[in-house]
Amino acid sequence: MIGFIVAGLVIGALARLIKPGKQSLGILATLLLGLVGSVIGGTIANLLGTGDIWELNVLGFVVAVIASVLLIGVAEGIASSRHKTAH
């Protein structure tokens, strides 16, 4: 379980590095989205039969990074639209 959390944090950091442009999300939000992406990646890898959801494997890691990049993009879109509406 601790390995899963650490992997999620690494995935969040990688996703932030991969996503281009200025990012308005804080580090805590990025890391939490990395954890969510890690769960998504593990679930998809499990559904494809490459291993258990809590098992670290290459396919799960790649899917987790992709999911985290997408989640960060969506979260930033929501945050920026709220910021524009407030002004």
PDB file of N, CA and C in Angstrom:
ATOM      1  N   MET A   1       0.822  -1.197   0.000  1.00  0.00           N
ATOM      2  CA  MET A   1       0.000   0.000   0.000  1.00  0.00           C
ATOM      3  C   MET A   1       0.869   1.265   0.000  1.00  0.00           C
ATOM      4  N   ILE A   2       1.939   1.273   0.760  1.00  0.00           N
ATOM      5  CA  ILE A   2       2.837   2.427   0.778  1.00  0.00           C
ATOM      6  C   ILE A   2       3.496   2.597  -0.593  1.00  0.00           C
ATOM      7  N   GLY A   3       3.867   1.494  -1.205  1.00  0.00           N
ATOM      8  CA  GLY A   3       4.434   1.545  -2.554  1.00  0.00           C
ATOM      9  C   GLY A   3       3.453   2.127  -3.554  1.00  0.00           C
ATOM     10  N   PHE A   4       2.175   1.804  -3.394  1.00  0.00           N
ATOM     11  CA  PHE A   4       1.127   2.329  -4.266  1.00  0.00           C
ATOM     12  C   PHE A   4       1.029   3.848  -4.106  1.00  0.00           C
ATOM     13  N   ILE A   5       1.097   4.330  -2.878  1.00  0.00           N
ATOM     14  CA  ILE A   5       1.013   5.773  -2.623  1.00  0.00           C
ATOM     15  C   ILE A   5       2.227   6.481  -3.217  1.00  0.00           C
ATOM     16  N   VAL A   6       3.401   5.919  -3.002  1.00  0.00           N
ATOM     17  CA  VAL A   6       4.620   6.519  -3.548  1.00  0.00           C
ATOM     18  C   VAL A   6       4.559   6.529  -5.076  1.00  0.00           C
ATOM     19  N   ALA A   7       4.110   5.424  -5.669  1.00  0.00           N
ATOM     20  CA  ALA A   7       3.981   5.369  -7.135  1.00  0.00           C
ATOM     21  C   ALA A   7       2.983   6.423  -7.613  1.00  0.00           C
ATOM     22  N   GLY A   8       1.895   6.607  -6.893  1.00  0.00           N
ATOM     23  CA  GLY A   8       0.910   7.626  -7.261  1.00  0.00           C
ATOM     24  C   GLY A   8       1.494   9.024  -7.209  1.00  0.00           C
ATOM     25  N   LEU A   9       2.314   9.283  -6.207  1.00  0.00           N
ATOM     26  CA  LEU A   9       2.956  10.589  -6.101  1.00  0.00           C
ATOM     27  C   LEU A   9       3.940  10.816  -7.242  1.00  0.00           C
ATOM     28  N   VAL A  10       4.694   9.780  -7.593  1.00  0.00           N
ATOM     29  CA  VAL A  10       5.632   9.870  -8.714  1.00  0.00           C
ATOM     30  C   VAL A  10       4.857  10.076 -10.017  1.00  0.00           C
ATOM     31  N   ILE A  11       3.756   9.367 -10.174  1.00  0.00           N
ATOM     32  CA  ILE A  11       2.940   9.494 -11.383  1.00  0.00           C
ATOM     33  C   ILE A  11       2.385  10.914 -11.498  1.00  0.00           C
ATOM     34  N   GLY A  12       1.928  11.485 -10.387  1.00  0.00           N
ATOM     35  CA  GLY A  12       1.444  12.863 -10.408  1.00  0.00           C
ATOM     36  C   GLY A  12       2.533  13.843 -10.814  1.00  0.00           C
ATOM     37  N   ALA A  13       3.725  13.651 -10.282  1.00  0.00           N
ATOM     38  CA  ALA A  13       4.850  14.526 -10.630  1.00  0.00           C
ATOM     39  C   ALA A  13       5.219  14.381 -12.105  1.00  0.00           C
ATOM     40  N   LEU A  14       5.248  13.155 -12.608  1.00  0.00           N
ATOM     41  CA  LEU A  14       5.540  12.926 -14.027  1.00  0.00           C
ATOM     42  C   LEU A  14       4.480  13.552 -14.921  1.00  0.00           C
ATOM     43  N   ALA A  15       3.227  13.400 -14.533  1.00  0.00           N
ATOM     44  CA  ALA A  15       2.140  13.974 -15.326  1.00  0.00           C
ATOM     45  C   ALA A  15       2.276  15.485 -15.396  1.00  0.00           C
ATOM     46  N   ARG A  16       2.658  16.089 -14.300  1.00  0.00           N
ATOM     47  CA  ARG A  16       2.834  17.547 -14.283  1.00  0.00           C
ATOM     48  C   ARG A  16       3.987  17.962 -15.194  1.00  0.00           C
ATOM     49  N   LEU A  17       5.039  17.171 -15.232  1.00  0.00           N
ATOM     50  CA  LEU A  17       6.170  17.475 -16.110  1.00  0.00           C
ATOM     51  C   LEU A  17       5.818  17.276 -17.582  1.00  0.00           C
ATOM     52  N   ILE A  18       4.981  16.280 -17.867  1.00  0.00           N
ATOM     53  CA  ILE A  18       4.622  15.958 -19.250  1.00  0.00           C
ATOM     54  C   ILE A  18       3.642  16.978 -19.823  1.00  0.00           C
ATOM     55  N   LYS A  19       2.699  17.425 -18.996  1.00  0.00           N
ATOM     56  CA  LYS A  19       1.660  18.340 -19.482  1.00  0.00           C
ATOM     57  C   LYS A  19       2.282  19.689 -19.812  1.00  0.00           C
ATOM     58  N   PRO A  20       2.083  20.156 -21.050  1.00  0.00           N
ATOM     59  CA  PRO A  20       2.690  21.426 -21.447  1.00  0.00           C
ATOM     60  C   PRO A  20       1.927  22.631 -20.895  1.00  0.00           C
ATOM     61  N   GLY A  21       2.575  23.773 -20.895  1.00  0.00           N
ATOM     62  CA  GLY A  21       1.923  25.023 -20.523  1.00  0.00           C
ATOM     63  C   GLY A  21       2.009  25.326 -19.043  1.00  0.00           C
ATOM     64  N   LYS A  22       1.530  26.535 -18.717  1.00  0.00           N
ATOM     65  CA  LYS A  22       1.516  26.979 -17.324  1.00  0.00           C
ATOM     66  C   LYS A  22       0.421  26.221 -16.582  1.00  0.00           C
ATOM     67  N   GLN A  23       0.726  25.788 -15.384  1.00  0.00           N
ATOM     68  CA  GLN A  23      -0.226  25.005 -14.606  1.00  0.00           C
ATOM     69  C   GLN A  23      -0.594  25.764 -13.349  1.00  0.00           C
ATOM     70  N   SER A  24      -1.894  25.848 -13.105  1.00  0.00           N
ATOM     71  CA  SER A  24      -2.371  26.634 -11.976  1.00  0.00           C
ATOM     72  C   SER A  24      -2.699  25.783 -10.749  1.00  0.00           C
ATOM     73  N   LEU A  25      -2.597  24.466 -10.879  1.00  0.00           N
ATOM     74  CA  LEU A  25      -2.894  23.590  -9.748  1.00  0.00           C
ATOM     75  C   LEU A  25      -1.724  23.566  -8.772  1.00  0.00           C
ATOM     76  N   GLY A  26      -2.041  23.454  -7.505  1.00  0.00           N
ATOM     77  CA  GLY A  26      -1.009  23.329  -6.491  1.00  0.00           C
ATOM     78  C   GLY A  26      -0.404  21.933  -6.495  1.00  0.00           C
ATOM     79  N   ILE A  27       0.671  21.777  -5.777  1.00  0.00           N
ATOM     80  CA  ILE A  27       1.365  20.492  -5.739  1.00  0.00           C
ATOM     81  C   ILE A  27       0.518  19.412  -5.069  1.00  0.00           C
ATOM     82  N   LEU A  28      -0.250  19.775  -4.053  1.00  0.00           N
ATOM     83  CA  LEU A  28      -1.094  18.797  -3.375  1.00  0.00           C
ATOM     84  C   LEU A  28      -2.173  18.258  -4.320  1.00  0.00           C
ATOM     85  N   ALA A  29      -2.812  19.154  -5.071  1.00  0.00           N
ATOM     86  CA  ALA A  29      -3.831  18.726  -6.033  1.00  0.00           C
ATOM     87  C   ALA A  29      -3.213  17.834  -7.112  1.00  0.00           C
ATOM     88  N   THR A  30      -2.026  18.193  -7.564  1.00  0.00           N
ATOM     89  CA  THR A  30      -1.343  17.392  -8.579  1.00  0.00           C
ATOM     90  C   THR A  30      -1.043  15.988  -8.050  1.00  0.00           C
ATOM     91  N   LEU A  31      -0.569  15.913  -6.817  1.00  0.00           N
ATOM     92  CA  LEU A  31      -0.235  14.611  -6.238  1.00  0.00           C
ATOM     93  C   LEU A  31      -1.491  13.766  -6.012  1.00  0.00           C
ATOM     94  N   LEU A  32      -2.574  14.406  -5.579  1.00  0.00           N
ATOM     95  CA  LEU A  32      -3.827  13.662  -5.399  1.00  0.00           C
ATOM     96  C   LEU A  32      -4.365  13.150  -6.738  1.00  0.00           C
ATOM     97  N   LEU A  33      -4.254  13.962  -7.778  1.00  0.00           N
ATOM     98  CA  LEU A  33      -4.678  13.503  -9.102  1.00  0.00           C
ATOM     99  C   LEU A  33      -3.767  12.377  -9.601  1.00  0.00           C
ATOM    100  N   GLY A  34      -2.506  12.403  -9.199  1.00  0.00           N
ATOM    101  CA  GLY A  34      -1.596  11.295  -9.516  1.00  0.00           C
ATOM    102  C   GLY A  34      -2.037  10.006  -8.850  1.00  0.00           C
ATOM    103  N   LEU A  35      -2.502  10.109  -7.612  1.00  0.00           N
ATOM    104  CA  LEU A  35      -3.019   8.922  -6.914  1.00  0.00           C
ATOM    105  C   LEU A  35      -4.270   8.388  -7.609  1.00  0.00           C
ATOM    106  N   VAL A  36      -5.161   9.293  -8.009  1.00  0.00           N
ATOM    107  CA  VAL A  36      -6.371   8.870  -8.721  1.00  0.00           C
ATOM    108  C   VAL A  36      -5.994   8.232 -10.052  1.00  0.00           C
ATOM    109  N   GLY A  37      -5.053   8.836 -10.757  1.00  0.00           N
ATOM    110  CA  GLY A  37      -4.574   8.265 -12.015  1.00  0.00           C
ATOM    111  C   GLY A  37      -3.949   6.898 -11.815  1.00  0.00           C
ATOM    112  N   SER A  38      -3.283   6.720 -10.694  1.00  0.00           N
ATOM    113  CA  SER A  38      -2.675   5.438 -10.374  1.00  0.00           C
ATOM    114  C   SER A  38      -3.740   4.360 -10.179  1.00  0.00           C
ATOM    115  N   VAL A  39      -4.827   4.716  -9.508  1.00  0.00           N
ATOM    116  CA  VAL A  39      -5.941   3.770  -9.330  1.00  0.00           C
ATOM    117  C   VAL A  39      -6.559   3.426 -10.684  1.00  0.00           C
ATOM    118  N   ILE A  40      -6.746   4.445 -11.525  1.00  0.00           N
ATOM    119  CA  ILE A  40      -7.313   4.211 -12.861  1.00  0.00           C
ATOM    120  C   ILE A  40      -6.398   3.297 -13.670  1.00  0.00           C
ATOM    121  N   GLY A  41      -5.105   3.583 -13.653  1.00  0.00           N
ATOM    122  CA  GLY A  41      -4.145   2.753 -14.393  1.00  0.00           C
ATOM    123  C   GLY A  41      -4.127   1.322 -13.896  1.00  0.00           C
ATOM    124  N   GLY A  42      -4.149   1.138 -12.578  1.00  0.00           N
ATOM    125  CA  GLY A  42      -4.175  -0.210 -12.008  1.00  0.00           C
ATOM    126  C   GLY A  42      -5.449  -0.952 -12.357  1.00  0.00           C
ATOM    127  N   THR A  43      -6.568  -0.235 -12.362  1.00  0.00           N
ATOM    128  CA  THR A  43      -7.847  -0.863 -12.704  1.00  0.00           C
ATOM    129  C   THR A  43      -7.865  -1.308 -14.161  1.00  0.00           C
ATOM    130  N   ILE A  44      -7.407  -0.440 -15.055  1.00  0.00           N
ATOM    131  CA  ILE A  44      -7.385  -0.793 -16.481  1.00  0.00           C
ATOM    132  C   ILE A  44      -6.428  -1.949 -16.730  1.00  0.00           C
ATOM    133  N   ALA A  45      -5.258  -1.927 -16.105  1.00  0.00           N
ATOM    134  CA  ALA A  45      -4.307  -3.030 -16.261  1.00  0.00           C
ATOM    135  C   ALA A  45      -4.904  -4.330 -15.734  1.00  0.00           C
ATOM    136  N   ASN A  46      -5.638  -4.249 -14.631  1.00  0.00           N
ATOM    137  CA  ASN A  46      -6.291  -5.425 -14.067  1.00  0.00           C
ATOM    138  C   ASN A  46      -7.348  -5.961 -15.027  1.00  0.00           C
ATOM    139  N   LEU A  47      -8.126  -5.058 -15.608  1.00  0.00           N
ATOM    140  CA  LEU A  47      -9.162  -5.482 -16.554  1.00  0.00           C
ATOM    141  C   LEU A  47      -8.560  -6.131 -17.806  1.00  0.00           C
ATOM    142  N   LEU A  48      -7.360  -5.696 -18.180  1.00  0.00           N
ATOM    143  CA  LEU A  48      -6.682  -6.280 -19.338  1.00  0.00           C
ATOM    144  C   LEU A  48      -5.932  -7.557 -18.988  1.00  0.00           C
ATOM    145  N   GLY A  49      -5.935  -7.903 -17.702  1.00  0.00           N
ATOM    146  CA  GLY A  49      -5.339  -9.163 -17.271  1.00  0.00           C
ATOM    147  C   GLY A  49      -3.837  -9.133 -17.088  1.00  0.00           C
ATOM    148  N   THR A  50      -3.260  -7.950 -16.868  1.00  0.00           N
ATOM    149  CA  THR A  50      -1.807  -7.885 -16.699  1.00  0.00           C
ATOM    150  C   THR A  50      -1.366  -7.984 -15.251  1.00  0.00           C
ATOM    151  N   GLY A  51      -2.301  -8.003 -14.329  1.00  0.00           N
ATOM    152  CA  GLY A  51      -1.933  -8.126 -12.922  1.00  0.00           C
ATOM    153  C   GLY A  51      -2.996  -7.541 -12.028  1.00  0.00           C
ATOM    154  N   ASP A  52      -2.745  -7.617 -10.754  1.00  0.00           N
ATOM    155  CA  ASP A  52      -3.661  -7.101  -9.748  1.00  0.00           C
ATOM    156  C   ASP A  52      -3.643  -5.575  -9.757  1.00  0.00           C
ATOM    157  N   ILE A  53      -4.720  -4.954  -9.294  1.00  0.00           N
ATOM    158  CA  ILE A  53      -4.819  -3.489  -9.281  1.00  0.00           C
ATOM    159  C   ILE A  53      -3.727  -2.848  -8.432  1.00  0.00           C
ATOM    160  N   TRP A  54      -3.295  -3.502  -7.375  1.00  0.00           N
ATOM    161  CA  TRP A  54      -2.284  -2.937  -6.478  1.00  0.00           C
ATOM    162  C   TRP A  54      -0.867  -3.305  -6.898  1.00  0.00           C
ATOM    163  N   GLU A  55      -0.733  -4.049  -7.981  1.00  0.00           N
ATOM    164  CA  GLU A  55       0.563  -4.484  -8.467  1.00  0.00           C
ATOM    165  C   GLU A  55       1.130  -3.442  -9.413  1.00  0.00           C
ATOM    166  N   LEU A  56       2.391  -3.113  -9.276  1.00  0.00           N
ATOM    167  CA  LEU A  56       3.018  -2.166 -10.185  1.00  0.00           C
ATOM    168  C   LEU A  56       3.505  -2.919 -11.417  1.00  0.00           C
ATOM    169  N   ASN A  57       2.964  -2.551 -12.577  1.00  0.00           N
ATOM    170  CA  ASN A  57       3.426  -3.125 -13.828  1.00  0.00           C
ATOM    171  C   ASN A  57       3.535  -2.031 -14.874  1.00  0.00           C
ATOM    172  N   VAL A  58       4.202  -2.325 -15.971  1.00  0.00           N
ATOM    173  CA  VAL A  58       4.504  -1.310 -16.973  1.00  0.00           C
ATOM    174  C   VAL A  58       3.233  -0.736 -17.592  1.00  0.00           C
ATOM    175  N   LEU A  59       2.311  -1.583 -18.012  1.00  0.00           N
ATOM    176  CA  LEU A  59       1.079  -1.100 -18.640  1.00  0.00           C
ATOM    177  C   LEU A  59       0.280  -0.235 -17.671  1.00  0.00           C
ATOM    178  N   GLY A  60       0.134  -0.680 -16.447  1.00  0.00           N
ATOM    179  CA  GLY A  60      -0.588   0.097 -15.448  1.00  0.00           C
ATOM    180  C   GLY A  60       0.061   1.444 -15.196  1.00  0.00           C
ATOM    181  N   PHE A  61       1.388   1.461 -15.173  1.00  0.00           N
ATOM    182  CA  PHE A  61       2.118   2.706 -14.951  1.00  0.00           C
ATOM    183  C   PHE A  61       1.902   3.676 -16.101  1.00  0.00           C
ATOM    184  N   VAL A  62       2.006   3.184 -17.334  1.00  0.00           N
ATOM    185  CA  VAL A  62       1.816   4.036 -18.516  1.00  0.00           C
ATOM    186  C   VAL A  62       0.389   4.588 -18.551  1.00  0.00           C
ATOM    187  N   VAL A  63      -0.595   3.725 -18.326  1.00  0.00           N
ATOM    188  CA  VAL A  63      -1.993   4.174 -18.316  1.00  0.00           C
ATOM    189  C   VAL A  63      -2.223   5.159 -17.177  1.00  0.00           C
ATOM    190  N   ALA A  64      -1.609   4.940 -16.052  1.00  0.00           N
ATOM    191  CA  ALA A  64      -1.754   5.840 -14.909  1.00  0.00           C
ATOM    192  C   ALA A  64      -1.199   7.224 -15.228  1.00  0.00           C
ATOM    193  N   VAL A  65      -0.060   7.293 -15.890  1.00  0.00           N
ATOM    194  CA  VAL A  65       0.518   8.587 -16.256  1.00  0.00           C
ATOM    195  C   VAL A  65      -0.397   9.301 -17.255  1.00  0.00           C
ATOM    196  N   ILE A  66      -0.895   8.576 -18.243  1.00  0.00           N
ATOM    197  CA  ILE A  66      -1.804   9.176 -19.228  1.00  0.00           C
ATOM    198  C   ILE A  66      -3.077   9.676 -18.540  1.00  0.00           C
ATOM    199  N   ALA A  67      -3.646   8.854 -17.667  1.00  0.00           N
ATOM    200  CA  ALA A  67      -4.861   9.250 -16.943  1.00  0.00           C
ATOM    201  C   ALA A  67      -4.593  10.474 -16.073  1.00  0.00           C
ATOM    202  N   SER A  68      -3.442  10.531 -15.446  1.00  0.00           N
ATOM    203  CA  SER A  68      -3.107  11.673 -14.598  1.00  0.00           C
ATOM    204  C   SER A  68      -2.942  12.953 -15.408  1.00  0.00           C
ATOM    205  N   VAL A  69      -2.316  12.855 -16.572  1.00  0.00           N
ATOM    206  CA  VAL A  69      -2.183  14.032 -17.441  1.00  0.00           C
ATOM    207  C   VAL A  69      -3.565  14.545 -17.831  1.00  0.00           C
ATOM    208  N   LEU A  70      -4.454  13.629 -18.198  1.00  0.00           N
ATOM    209  CA  LEU A  70      -5.815  14.020 -18.564  1.00  0.00           C
ATOM    210  C   LEU A  70      -6.563  14.619 -17.375  1.00  0.00           C
ATOM    211  N   LEU A  71      -6.431  14.014 -16.203  1.00  0.00           N
ATOM    212  CA  LEU A  71      -7.092  14.537 -15.009  1.00  0.00           C
ATOM    213  C   LEU A  71      -6.587  15.932 -14.650  1.00  0.00           C
ATOM    214  N   ILE A  72      -5.290  16.141 -14.767  1.00  0.00           N
ATOM    215  CA  ILE A  72      -4.725  17.459 -14.479  1.00  0.00           C
ATOM    216  C   ILE A  72      -5.258  18.485 -15.479  1.00  0.00           C
ATOM    217  N   GLY A  73      -5.348  18.102 -16.745  1.00  0.00           N
ATOM    218  CA  GLY A  73      -5.899  19.007 -17.756  1.00  0.00           C
ATOM    219  C   GLY A  73      -7.338  19.376 -17.463  1.00  0.00           C
ATOM    220  N   VAL A  74      -8.145  18.398 -17.092  1.00  0.00           N
ATOM    221  CA  VAL A  74      -9.559  18.658 -16.769  1.00  0.00           C
ATOM    222  C   VAL A  74      -9.662  19.545 -15.528  1.00  0.00           C
ATOM    223  N   ALA A  75      -8.892  19.225 -14.505  1.00  0.00           N
ATOM    224  CA  ALA A  75      -8.933  20.009 -13.272  1.00  0.00           C
ATOM    225  C   ALA A  75      -8.497  21.450 -13.519  1.00  0.00           C
ATOM    226  N   GLU A  76      -7.479  21.645 -14.343  1.00  0.00           N
ATOM    227  CA  GLU A  76      -7.046  23.003 -14.662  1.00  0.00           C
ATOM    228  C   GLU A  76      -8.103  23.744 -15.464  1.00  0.00           C
ATOM    229  N   GLY A  77      -8.778  23.038 -16.374  1.00  0.00           N
ATOM    230  CA  GLY A  77      -9.851  23.652 -17.137  1.00  0.00           C
ATOM    231  C   GLY A  77     -10.983  24.107 -16.239  1.00  0.00           C
ATOM    232  N   ILE A  78     -11.339  23.276 -15.287  1.00  0.00           N
ATOM    233  CA  ILE A  78     -12.394  23.633 -14.335  1.00  0.00           C
ATOM    234  C   ILE A  78     -11.952  24.808 -13.463  1.00  0.00           C
ATOM    235  N   ALA A  79     -10.717  24.753 -12.989  1.00  0.00           N
ATOM    236  CA  ALA A  79     -10.205  25.832 -12.128  1.00  0.00           C
ATOM    237  C   ALA A  79     -10.127  27.156 -12.876  1.00  0.00           C
ATOM    238  N   SER A  80      -9.696  27.134 -14.130  1.00  0.00           N
ATOM    239  CA  SER A  80      -9.580  28.388 -14.885  1.00  0.00           C
ATOM    240  C   SER A  80     -10.960  28.940 -15.254  1.00  0.00           C
ATOM    241  N   SER A  81     -11.927  28.073 -15.531  1.00  0.00           N
ATOM    242  CA  SER A  81     -13.273  28.563 -15.848  1.00  0.00           C
ATOM    243  C   SER A  81     -13.928  29.174 -14.603  1.00  0.00           C
ATOM    244  N   ARG A  82     -13.675  28.613 -13.452  1.00  0.00           N
ATOM    245  CA  ARG A  82     -14.181  29.196 -12.202  1.00  0.00           C
ATOM    246  C   ARG A  82     -13.524  30.538 -11.917  1.00  0.00           C
ATOM    247  N   HIS A  83     -12.222  30.615 -12.223  1.00  0.00           N
ATOM    248  CA  HIS A  83     -11.474  31.835 -11.983  1.00  0.00           C
ATOM    249  C   HIS A  83     -11.992  32.952 -12.904  1.00  0.00           C
ATOM    250  N   LYS A  84     -12.276  32.645 -14.161  1.00  0.00           N
ATOM    251  CA  LYS A  84     -12.791  33.641 -15.104  1.00  0.00           C
ATOM    252  C   LYS A  84     -14.197  34.081 -14.726  1.00  0.00           C
ATOM    253  N   THR A  85     -15.017  33.157 -14.239  1.00  0.00           N
ATOM    254  CA  THR A  85     -16.388  33.476 -13.834  1.00  0.00           C
ATOM    255  C   THR A  85     -16.396  34.378 -12.614  1.00  0.00           C
ATOM    256  N   ALA A  86     -15.451  34.213 -11.727  1.00  0.00           N
ATOM    257  CA  ALA A  86     -15.390  35.008 -10.495  1.00  0.00           C
ATOM    258  C   ALA A  86     -15.056  36.465 -10.770  1.00  0.00           C
ATOM    259  N   HIS A  87     -14.388  36.731 -11.878  1.00  0.00           N
ATOM    260  CA  HIS A  87     -14.012  38.118 -12.202  1.00  0.00           C
ATOM    261  C   HIS A  87     -15.094  38.756 -12.928  1.00  0.00           C
TER     262      HIS A  87
END
